[in-house]
Amino acid sequence: MSTFHIDYHGQLIAVSQESADNFLVALPNKTMRLVRKQDSDGADYWFEKDTDNETPETAELGAAIEVVMGS
């Protein structure tokens, strides 16, 4: 598992990559498990674990993760 930081609303947030598509995000008010899923066209979508839709928050966190990972 690797750990890195993302910039989220001006704060550095710790992110632990648990596997290729699973991330643990340590937000100030909660810890969120994010799952990256791809559609048939190869576009990435970011979901909170055990949910079935992307939210503005998960999309923004996922975009910040992709910036750090160079995706």
C-alpha atoms as a PDB file:
ATOM      1  CA  MET A   1       0.000   0.000   0.000  1.00  0.00           C
ATOM      2  CA  SER A   2       1.403   3.394  -0.946  1.00  0.00           C
ATOM      3  CA  THR A   3       0.492   6.692   0.697  1.00  0.00           C
ATOM      4  CA  PHE A   4       0.566  10.121  -0.907  1.00  0.00           C
ATOM      5  CA  HIS A   5      -1.129  13.496  -0.431  1.00  0.00           C
ATOM      6  CA  ILE A   6      -3.604  15.407  -2.573  1.00  0.00           C
ATOM      7  CA  ASP A   7      -4.617  19.055  -2.465  1.00  0.00           C
ATOM      8  CA  TYR A   8      -8.316  19.223  -1.605  1.00  0.00           C
ATOM      9  CA  HIS A   9      -9.805  22.673  -0.973  1.00  0.00           C
ATOM     10  CA  GLY A  10      -6.405  24.029   0.019  1.00  0.00           C
ATOM     11  CA  GLN A  11      -5.603  21.234   2.477  1.00  0.00           C
ATOM     12  CA  LEU A  12      -3.199  18.349   2.044  1.00  0.00           C
ATOM     13  CA  ILE A  13      -5.165  15.138   2.462  1.00  0.00           C
ATOM     14  CA  ALA A  14      -3.514  11.734   2.972  1.00  0.00           C
ATOM     15  CA  VAL A  15      -4.523   9.020   0.505  1.00  0.00           C
ATOM     16  CA  SER A  16      -3.536   5.364   0.818  1.00  0.00           C
ATOM     17  CA  GLN A  17      -3.745   3.248  -2.322  1.00  0.00           C
ATOM     18  CA  GLU A  18      -4.949  -0.183  -1.220  1.00  0.00           C
ATOM     19  CA  SER A  19      -5.038  -1.688  -4.722  1.00  0.00           C
ATOM     20  CA  ALA A  20      -5.092  -0.478  -8.312  1.00  0.00           C
ATOM     21  CA  ASP A  21      -8.630   0.909  -7.990  1.00  0.00           C
ATOM     22  CA  ASN A  22      -9.203   1.253  -4.216  1.00  0.00           C
ATOM     23  CA  PHE A  23      -8.149   4.256  -2.157  1.00  0.00           C
ATOM     24  CA  LEU A  24      -8.533   5.282   1.477  1.00  0.00           C
ATOM     25  CA  VAL A  25      -8.931   9.070   1.766  1.00  0.00           C
ATOM     26  CA  ALA A  26      -8.395  10.681   5.191  1.00  0.00           C
ATOM     27  CA  LEU A  27     -10.662  13.717   5.072  1.00  0.00           C
ATOM     28  CA  PRO A  28     -10.695  16.003   8.132  1.00  0.00           C
ATOM     29  CA  ASN A  29     -14.214  14.941   9.161  1.00  0.00           C
ATOM     30  CA  LYS A  30     -14.255  11.307   7.984  1.00  0.00           C
ATOM     31  CA  THR A  31     -12.337   8.590   6.224  1.00  0.00           C
ATOM     32  CA  MET A  32     -13.706   7.659   2.819  1.00  0.00           C
ATOM     33  CA  ARG A  33     -13.025   4.545   0.771  1.00  0.00           C
ATOM     34  CA  LEU A  34     -13.013   5.425  -2.926  1.00  0.00           C
ATOM     35  CA  VAL A  35     -13.309   2.951  -5.774  1.00  0.00           C
ATOM     36  CA  ARG A  36     -12.329   3.858  -9.336  1.00  0.00           C
ATOM     37  CA  LYS A  37     -14.468   2.245 -12.039  1.00  0.00           C
ATOM     38  CA  GLN A  38     -14.168   2.553 -15.803  1.00  0.00           C
ATOM     39  CA  ASP A  39     -16.999   2.544 -18.297  1.00  0.00           C
ATOM     40  CA  SER A  40     -16.865   0.782 -21.656  1.00  0.00           C
ATOM     41  CA  ASP A  41     -15.276   3.887 -23.228  1.00  0.00           C
ATOM     42  CA  GLY A  42     -12.443   3.926 -20.680  1.00  0.00           C
ATOM     43  CA  ALA A  43     -13.675   6.948 -18.701  1.00  0.00           C
ATOM     44  CA  ASP A  44     -12.968   6.828 -14.955  1.00  0.00           C
ATOM     45  CA  TYR A  45     -15.710   7.310 -12.372  1.00  0.00           C
ATOM     46  CA  TRP A  46     -15.160   7.540  -8.627  1.00  0.00           C
ATOM     47  CA  PHE A  47     -17.567   5.985  -6.136  1.00  0.00           C
ATOM     48  CA  GLU A  48     -17.610   5.745  -2.387  1.00  0.00           C
ATOM     49  CA  LYS A  49     -17.308   2.041  -1.548  1.00  0.00           C
ATOM     50  CA  ASP A  50     -20.669   0.234  -1.472  1.00  0.00           C
ATOM     51  CA  THR A  51     -22.449   2.966  -3.443  1.00  0.00           C
ATOM     52  CA  ASP A  52     -23.457   2.984  -7.083  1.00  0.00           C
ATOM     53  CA  ASN A  53     -23.122   6.619  -8.099  1.00  0.00           C
ATOM     54  CA  GLU A  54     -20.449   9.249  -8.416  1.00  0.00           C
ATOM     55  CA  THR A  55     -21.021  12.422  -6.386  1.00  0.00           C
ATOM     56  CA  PRO A  56     -19.433  15.836  -6.912  1.00  0.00           C
ATOM     57  CA  GLU A  57     -17.230  15.154  -3.865  1.00  0.00           C
ATOM     58  CA  THR A  58     -16.035  11.732  -5.053  1.00  0.00           C
ATOM     59  CA  ALA A  59     -15.438  13.079  -8.575  1.00  0.00           C
ATOM     60  CA  GLU A  60     -13.340  15.957  -7.209  1.00  0.00           C
ATOM     61  CA  LEU A  61     -11.325  13.658  -4.937  1.00  0.00           C
ATOM     62  CA  GLY A  62     -10.812  11.217  -7.800  1.00  0.00           C
ATOM     63  CA  ALA A  63      -9.608  13.991 -10.116  1.00  0.00           C
ATOM     64  CA  ALA A  64      -7.090  15.102  -7.475  1.00  0.00           C
ATOM     65  CA  ILE A  65      -5.870  11.504  -7.115  1.00  0.00           C
ATOM     66  CA  GLU A  66      -5.487  11.211 -10.887  1.00  0.00           C
ATOM     67  CA  VAL A  67      -3.377  14.396 -10.970  1.00  0.00           C
ATOM     68  CA  VAL A  68      -0.950  12.983  -8.405  1.00  0.00           C
ATOM     69  CA  MET A  69      -0.849   9.576 -10.092  1.00  0.00           C
ATOM     70  CA  GLY A  70      -0.266  11.152 -13.496  1.00  0.00           C
ATOM     71  CA  SER A  71      -3.369   9.639 -15.087  1.00  0.00           C
END
